[in-house]
Amino acid sequence: MATQRKGKQSIVPEISPVITSWASVAGKKEAQGPLGNRFDIKSDDSYFGQKSWEQAERCMQQLALKTLMKKADIKQEDLELVFSGDLLNQCIGSSFSLRNLNIPHLGLYGACSTMAESLLLAAMAVGGGYFDAVAAMTSSHFASSERQYRFPLGYGGQRTPTSQWTVTGAGAALVCSSGHGPRITACTVGTVTDLGIKDANNMGAAMAPAALSTIRQHFDDMGVGPEDFDLIVTGDLGQHGKDILLSLSQQEGLSLGGKLADCGCLVFDNLSQDVHSGGSGCGCSAITLCSDLLTRLNKGKLKKILFCGTGALLSPTSTQQNLPIPGVCHAVAITGV
């Protein structure tokens, strides 16, 4: 019998898992943004000392995991499982970062929702009594993403106003059965939502309906509303997608105004940094959560947030075949200390 199930799509662990430590690695542009002084590691070198952008992404995940273990004061053998993913084909950023470390690994692909997905699965693994120490981790890199999804940077292609800037960064969080830190009190697994958006430069529009679907489902399953959270934080809708979400929610009689924030709008300063609609990528919500949000929860500056990772489930193949872009969103309720 599913004793930890709540409603249609949500789970409530009997013992709330604890996020005991977190770590973030950021690139130069991200370090120049509003959260710059909160990242654990910052680099002016987009290659992170490697020979390619893809290897740089692997390096970022290694740095994030190493920093996480150092902050948690644990050894490599104490880490029982890692959930991780990225935007690269076959998730090589994640698998290559963990090779030969002898740490059990489950690879994920949720596009930009991967930080929430990995955190949700870590909460299930720990809350279900299967593990005591699980890491949730993800990354993205501006240049490797542009090369894979759009055009090589050397082409100098122009960006549309609705386009977003893929964050160069990696984040990791340690989810434990006991300890001190913010607690994961509930999670909602999202459904894949497709409303026919085909513009790969307007992913906020593709993801906004999925965000609304998951947020509403979390509210219905848990019997809560916007008033029960200090912040409802979406992954990376960007300013354009955030505006669409607010409009869609108002049409359905749901008021998110004053509570809604978006990692794509928090990580960059849209006035001084040329990022058009804001940030995106797996690393966007990862470094925002693992630098700013969890720290504020740990210090009591925030009491409870609903962290809603959003992902655009496109690929170069689907785009070339003129297929629409499905979206997904997973929600994790996190309560402060």
Protein backbone atom coordinates (compact mmCIF):
# COMPACT_ATOMS: atom_id res chain seq x y z
CA MET A 1 0.00 0.00 0.00
CA ALA A 2 1.34 3.41 -0.98
CA THR A 3 1.42 4.99 2.47
CA GLN A 4 3.47 8.05 1.47
CA ARG A 5 1.28 9.00 -1.48
CA LYS A 6 -0.90 12.12 -1.26
CA GLY A 7 -3.54 13.00 -3.82
CA LYS A 8 -3.02 12.27 -7.50
CA GLN A 9 0.65 13.13 -8.09
CA SER A 10 2.27 14.01 -4.77
CA ILE A 11 4.24 12.26 -2.06
CA VAL A 12 4.74 13.14 1.61
CA PRO A 13 7.66 11.29 3.22
CA GLU A 14 6.86 9.92 6.67
CA ILE A 15 10.18 11.33 7.88
CA SER A 16 11.08 14.52 6.02
CA PRO A 17 14.56 14.21 4.43
CA VAL A 18 17.06 16.91 5.37
CA ILE A 19 19.18 18.91 2.93
CA THR A 20 22.30 19.10 5.06
CA SER A 21 24.73 20.70 2.58
CA TRP A 22 24.78 22.31 -0.84
CA ALA A 23 27.37 23.59 -3.28
CA SER A 24 27.44 25.74 -6.41
CA VAL A 25 29.91 26.35 -9.25
CA ALA A 26 29.41 29.29 -11.60
CA GLY A 27 30.91 30.85 -14.71
CA LYS A 28 32.06 34.42 -15.28
CA LYS A 29 28.75 35.92 -16.44
CA GLU A 30 26.86 34.28 -13.58
CA ALA A 31 29.43 35.56 -11.06
CA GLN A 32 28.77 39.08 -12.33
CA GLY A 33 25.05 38.74 -11.56
CA PRO A 34 23.06 39.46 -8.38
CA LEU A 35 24.01 36.14 -6.74
CA GLY A 36 27.72 36.37 -7.55
CA ASN A 37 28.97 36.61 -3.98
CA ARG A 38 27.04 33.50 -2.92
CA PHE A 39 28.56 30.90 -5.22
CA ASP A 40 31.14 28.53 -3.74
CA ILE A 41 33.35 28.44 -6.83
CA LYS A 42 33.57 31.00 -9.66
CA SER A 43 35.70 30.85 -12.77
CA ASP A 44 36.62 33.44 -15.39
CA ASP A 45 37.63 30.60 -17.72
CA SER A 46 34.66 29.19 -19.64
CA TYR A 47 36.72 26.06 -20.29
CA PHE A 48 37.47 25.51 -16.58
CA GLY A 49 40.97 24.50 -17.62
CA GLN A 50 39.73 21.82 -20.02
CA LYS A 51 40.05 21.33 -23.78
CA SER A 52 36.36 21.64 -24.67
CA TRP A 53 33.14 23.12 -23.29
CA GLU A 54 31.71 19.63 -22.80
CA GLN A 55 34.70 18.66 -20.68
CA ALA A 56 34.28 21.93 -18.80
CA GLU A 57 30.77 20.85 -17.86
CA ARG A 58 32.09 17.54 -16.59
CA CYS A 59 34.64 19.47 -14.56
CA MET A 60 31.94 21.72 -13.08
CA GLN A 61 30.01 18.71 -11.79
CA GLN A 62 33.17 17.24 -10.30
CA LEU A 63 33.91 20.52 -8.55
CA ALA A 64 30.34 20.77 -7.26
CA LEU A 65 30.39 17.23 -5.86
CA LYS A 66 33.85 17.65 -4.32
CA THR A 67 32.81 20.94 -2.71
CA LEU A 68 29.59 19.38 -1.44
CA MET A 69 31.44 16.54 0.27
CA LYS A 70 33.95 18.97 1.77
CA LYS A 71 31.19 21.21 3.17
CA ALA A 72 29.34 18.18 4.52
CA ASP A 73 32.57 16.79 5.98
CA ILE A 74 31.97 13.36 4.49
CA LYS A 75 34.20 10.97 2.58
CA GLN A 76 33.53 9.68 -0.91
CA GLU A 77 32.56 6.25 0.41
CA ASP A 78 29.93 7.86 2.66
CA LEU A 79 27.95 9.01 -0.39
CA GLU A 80 25.53 6.18 -1.11
CA LEU A 81 23.91 7.36 -4.36
CA VAL A 82 23.97 10.24 -6.86
CA PHE A 83 21.06 11.34 -9.03
CA SER A 84 22.38 13.63 -11.76
CA GLY A 85 21.83 14.82 -15.31
CA ASP A 86 22.64 17.56 -17.80
CA LEU A 87 21.72 18.83 -21.26
CA LEU A 88 24.41 17.06 -23.27
CA ASN A 89 23.64 14.09 -25.51
CA GLN A 90 23.48 10.90 -23.42
CA CYS A 91 24.15 13.03 -20.31
CA ILE A 92 27.92 12.70 -20.66
CA GLY A 93 28.53 15.62 -18.30
CA SER A 94 27.10 13.54 -15.47
CA SER A 95 28.38 10.09 -16.32
CA PHE A 96 31.90 11.29 -17.13
CA SER A 97 32.04 13.29 -13.89
CA LEU A 98 31.37 10.16 -11.82
CA ARG A 99 33.46 7.63 -13.73
CA ASN A 100 35.82 5.52 -11.62
CA LEU A 101 34.59 7.10 -8.37
CA ASN A 102 32.81 3.91 -7.27
CA ILE A 103 29.69 5.88 -6.30
CA PRO A 104 26.33 4.38 -7.35
CA HIS A 105 24.74 6.61 -9.97
CA LEU A 106 21.32 6.99 -11.55
CA GLY A 107 21.38 9.28 -14.57
CA LEU A 108 18.48 11.59 -15.37
CA TYR A 109 17.18 13.70 -18.19
CA GLY A 110 14.52 16.23 -17.33
CA ALA A 111 16.02 19.11 -19.32
CA CYS A 112 15.99 22.23 -17.13
CA SER A 113 13.77 20.50 -14.55
CA THR A 114 16.63 18.14 -13.65
CA MET A 115 17.56 19.82 -10.34
CA ALA A 116 14.00 19.45 -9.06
CA GLU A 117 13.74 15.94 -10.49
CA SER A 118 16.98 14.81 -8.84
CA LEU A 119 15.96 16.41 -5.55
CA LEU A 120 12.53 14.77 -5.71
CA LEU A 121 14.03 11.33 -6.37
CA ALA A 122 16.61 11.82 -3.63
CA ALA A 123 13.77 12.65 -1.22
CA MET A 124 11.94 9.47 -2.28
CA ALA A 125 15.08 7.35 -1.88
CA VAL A 126 15.84 8.72 1.59
CA GLY A 127 12.25 9.15 2.75
CA GLY A 128 11.47 5.60 1.67
CA GLY A 129 14.23 4.26 3.90
CA TYR A 130 16.47 2.99 1.09
CA PHE A 131 19.43 5.33 1.62
CA ASP A 132 20.78 7.72 4.25
CA ALA A 133 22.95 10.05 2.13
CA VAL A 134 22.05 10.88 -1.47
CA ALA A 135 23.33 13.67 -3.72
CA ALA A 136 21.15 15.53 -6.25
CA MET A 137 23.23 17.25 -8.92
CA THR A 138 23.04 18.86 -12.36
CA SER A 139 24.80 21.31 -14.66
CA SER A 140 24.61 23.26 -17.91
CA HIS A 141 27.04 25.30 -19.99
CA PHE A 142 26.17 28.19 -22.30
CA ALA A 143 28.56 27.26 -25.07
CA SER A 144 27.95 23.49 -25.10
CA SER A 145 24.18 24.09 -25.13
CA GLU A 146 24.40 26.58 -27.99
CA ARG A 147 26.49 24.13 -29.98
CA GLN A 148 24.02 21.31 -29.39
CA TYR A 149 20.64 23.01 -29.61
CA ARG A 150 21.12 26.07 -31.78
CA PHE A 151 24.14 27.33 -33.72
CA PRO A 152 27.89 27.31 -33.09
CA LEU A 153 28.91 30.55 -31.41
CA GLY A 154 31.20 31.41 -34.31
CA TYR A 155 28.14 31.93 -36.51
CA GLY A 156 27.27 35.06 -34.55
CA GLY A 157 23.54 34.42 -34.93
CA GLN A 158 21.14 37.04 -33.57
CA ARG A 159 19.00 36.24 -30.54
CA THR A 160 15.28 36.95 -30.37
CA PRO A 161 13.84 38.99 -27.44
CA THR A 162 12.19 35.85 -26.02
CA SER A 163 15.43 33.83 -26.04
CA GLN A 164 17.23 33.01 -22.80
CA TRP A 165 20.88 32.69 -21.82
CA THR A 166 21.90 29.18 -20.76
CA VAL A 167 23.59 29.36 -17.37
CA THR A 168 27.14 28.05 -17.04
CA GLY A 169 27.07 26.39 -13.66
CA ALA A 170 26.55 23.28 -11.57
CA GLY A 171 24.74 22.69 -8.31
CA ALA A 172 24.67 19.79 -5.86
CA ALA A 173 22.65 19.14 -2.71
CA LEU A 174 23.08 16.41 -0.09
CA VAL A 175 19.81 14.82 1.07
CA CYS A 176 20.06 12.84 4.32
CA SER A 177 17.83 10.89 6.68
CA SER A 178 18.96 13.03 9.63
CA GLY A 179 20.93 16.17 10.39
CA HIS A 180 20.49 19.92 10.37
CA GLY A 181 19.13 21.93 7.47
CA PRO A 182 16.02 22.64 5.41
CA ARG A 183 13.61 19.73 5.08
CA ILE A 184 11.79 18.36 2.05
CA THR A 185 8.20 18.01 3.21
CA ALA A 186 6.38 17.12 -0.01
CA CYS A 187 6.97 16.60 -3.74
CA THR A 188 4.76 16.61 -6.81
CA VAL A 189 5.68 14.71 -9.96
CA GLY A 190 4.73 16.64 -13.07
CA THR A 191 3.09 15.48 -16.29
CA VAL A 192 4.35 16.21 -19.80
CA THR A 193 2.35 19.11 -21.23
CA ASP A 194 2.33 20.05 -24.92
CA LEU A 195 0.36 23.03 -26.19
CA GLY A 196 1.98 23.17 -29.60
CA ILE A 197 4.78 25.71 -29.08
CA LYS A 198 7.45 25.16 -31.75
CA ASP A 199 9.76 28.15 -31.28
CA ALA A 200 13.03 26.88 -29.76
CA ASN A 201 13.86 30.50 -28.89
CA ASN A 202 10.75 30.83 -26.74
CA MET A 203 11.05 27.97 -24.27
CA GLY A 204 9.43 29.99 -21.49
CA ALA A 205 6.14 29.81 -23.40
CA ALA A 206 6.54 26.05 -23.82
CA MET A 207 7.21 25.46 -20.11
CA ALA A 208 4.72 27.89 -18.53
CA PRO A 209 1.65 25.62 -18.98
CA ALA A 210 3.52 22.71 -17.39
CA ALA A 211 4.48 24.93 -14.44
CA LEU A 212 0.86 25.95 -13.89
CA SER A 213 -0.32 22.33 -14.13
CA THR A 214 2.13 21.13 -11.47
CA ILE A 215 1.61 24.08 -9.14
CA ARG A 216 -2.17 23.62 -9.26
CA GLN A 217 -1.81 19.88 -8.71
CA HIS A 218 0.44 20.43 -5.70
CA PHE A 219 -2.09 22.82 -4.21
CA ASP A 220 -4.96 20.35 -4.83
CA ASP A 221 -3.09 17.30 -3.55
CA MET A 222 -1.76 18.99 -0.43
CA GLY A 223 -4.71 21.24 0.36
CA VAL A 224 -2.54 24.36 0.33
CA GLY A 225 -2.35 27.62 -1.60
CA PRO A 226 0.03 30.47 -2.44
CA GLU A 227 -0.46 31.92 1.03
CA ASP A 228 1.27 28.87 2.55
CA PHE A 229 4.62 29.71 0.90
CA ASP A 230 7.04 32.59 1.13
CA LEU A 231 8.06 31.98 -2.47
CA ILE A 232 6.90 29.84 -5.37
CA VAL A 233 10.07 29.56 -7.45
CA THR A 234 9.94 28.29 -11.02
CA GLY A 235 13.05 26.89 -12.67
CA ASP A 236 13.80 29.00 -15.66
CA LEU A 237 10.78 30.41 -17.43
CA GLY A 238 12.58 33.71 -17.85
CA GLN A 239 10.72 37.00 -17.77
CA HIS A 240 8.58 36.19 -20.80
CA GLY A 241 7.58 32.76 -19.52
CA LYS A 242 6.95 34.11 -16.03
CA ASP A 243 4.57 36.71 -17.46
CA ILE A 244 2.75 33.96 -19.37
CA LEU A 245 2.44 31.86 -16.20
CA LEU A 246 0.99 34.80 -14.28
CA SER A 247 -1.49 35.44 -17.09
CA LEU A 248 -2.54 31.77 -17.32
CA SER A 249 -2.96 31.50 -13.56
CA GLN A 250 -5.13 34.62 -13.45
CA GLN A 251 -7.34 33.19 -16.20
CA GLU A 252 -7.93 30.14 -14.00
CA GLY A 253 -8.63 32.23 -10.91
CA LEU A 254 -5.34 31.44 -9.19
CA SER A 255 -3.41 34.42 -7.84
CA LEU A 256 0.35 33.91 -7.71
CA GLY A 257 1.20 37.60 -7.67
CA GLY A 258 3.67 38.60 -4.97
CA LYS A 259 4.75 34.99 -4.38
CA LEU A 260 6.09 33.96 -7.79
CA ALA A 261 9.82 34.20 -8.54
CA ASP A 262 11.84 32.63 -11.34
CA CYS A 263 15.44 31.44 -11.22
CA GLY A 264 15.95 32.71 -14.75
CA CYS A 265 15.15 36.21 -13.51
CA LEU A 266 17.09 35.91 -10.24
CA VAL A 267 20.45 34.70 -11.53
CA PHE A 268 21.09 37.59 -13.95
CA ASP A 269 20.46 41.33 -13.88
CA ASN A 270 18.38 41.91 -17.00
CA LEU A 271 19.12 45.62 -16.94
CA SER A 272 22.90 45.42 -16.91
CA GLN A 273 23.49 41.97 -18.44
CA ASP A 274 22.46 41.23 -22.01
CA VAL A 275 20.50 38.03 -21.45
CA HIS A 276 17.23 39.04 -23.16
CA SER A 277 14.45 37.14 -21.34
CA GLY A 278 16.72 35.80 -18.58
CA GLY A 279 18.60 32.64 -17.68
CA SER A 280 17.89 29.00 -18.55
CA GLY A 281 19.52 25.57 -18.49
CA CYS A 282 19.81 22.87 -15.83
CA GLY A 283 22.40 24.98 -14.03
CA CYS A 284 20.04 27.95 -13.73
CA SER A 285 17.78 26.55 -11.00
CA ALA A 286 20.65 24.45 -9.62
CA ILE A 287 22.99 27.31 -8.74
CA THR A 288 20.12 29.55 -7.60
CA LEU A 289 18.83 26.87 -5.22
CA CYS A 290 22.29 25.75 -4.06
CA SER A 291 23.59 29.23 -3.35
CA ASP A 292 20.77 31.59 -2.45
CA LEU A 293 17.49 29.80 -1.71
CA LEU A 294 18.75 27.01 0.57
CA THR A 295 20.98 29.45 2.43
CA ARG A 296 18.03 31.77 3.09
CA LEU A 297 15.95 28.82 4.27
CA ASN A 298 18.77 27.68 6.53
CA LYS A 299 19.12 31.14 8.08
CA GLY A 300 15.40 31.53 8.67
CA LYS A 301 15.01 34.32 6.13
CA LEU A 302 12.56 32.09 4.27
CA LYS A 303 10.18 29.72 6.04
CA LYS A 304 8.85 27.64 3.16
CA ILE A 305 9.24 27.60 -0.61
CA LEU A 306 7.80 25.58 -3.47
CA PHE A 307 10.71 24.87 -5.82
CA CYS A 308 9.30 24.10 -9.27
CA GLY A 309 11.88 22.95 -11.79
CA THR A 310 10.68 23.49 -15.37
CA GLY A 311 12.02 21.71 -18.44
CA ALA A 312 11.56 22.04 -22.21
CA LEU A 313 11.78 18.51 -23.59
CA LEU A 314 13.07 19.28 -27.06
CA SER A 315 16.02 17.87 -28.96
CA PRO A 316 17.84 18.84 -32.16
CA THR A 317 16.04 15.95 -33.87
CA SER A 318 12.55 17.01 -32.82
CA THR A 319 13.24 20.64 -33.74
CA GLN A 320 14.53 19.66 -37.19
CA GLN A 321 11.35 17.62 -37.70
CA ASN A 322 9.25 20.68 -36.84
CA LEU A 323 7.73 19.02 -33.79
CA PRO A 324 6.33 21.05 -30.87
CA ILE A 325 8.18 21.42 -27.57
CA PRO A 326 6.64 19.51 -24.64
CA GLY A 327 7.21 20.91 -21.17
CA VAL A 328 7.43 19.35 -17.73
CA CYS A 329 7.60 20.68 -14.16
CA HIS A 330 8.34 18.93 -10.87
CA ALA A 331 7.67 20.61 -7.52
CA VAL A 332 9.52 20.20 -4.23
CA ALA A 333 8.24 21.82 -1.03
CA ILE A 334 11.15 22.80 1.22
CA THR A 335 10.72 24.07 4.80
CA GLY A 336 13.37 26.18 6.50
CA VAL A 337 15.14 25.55 9.77
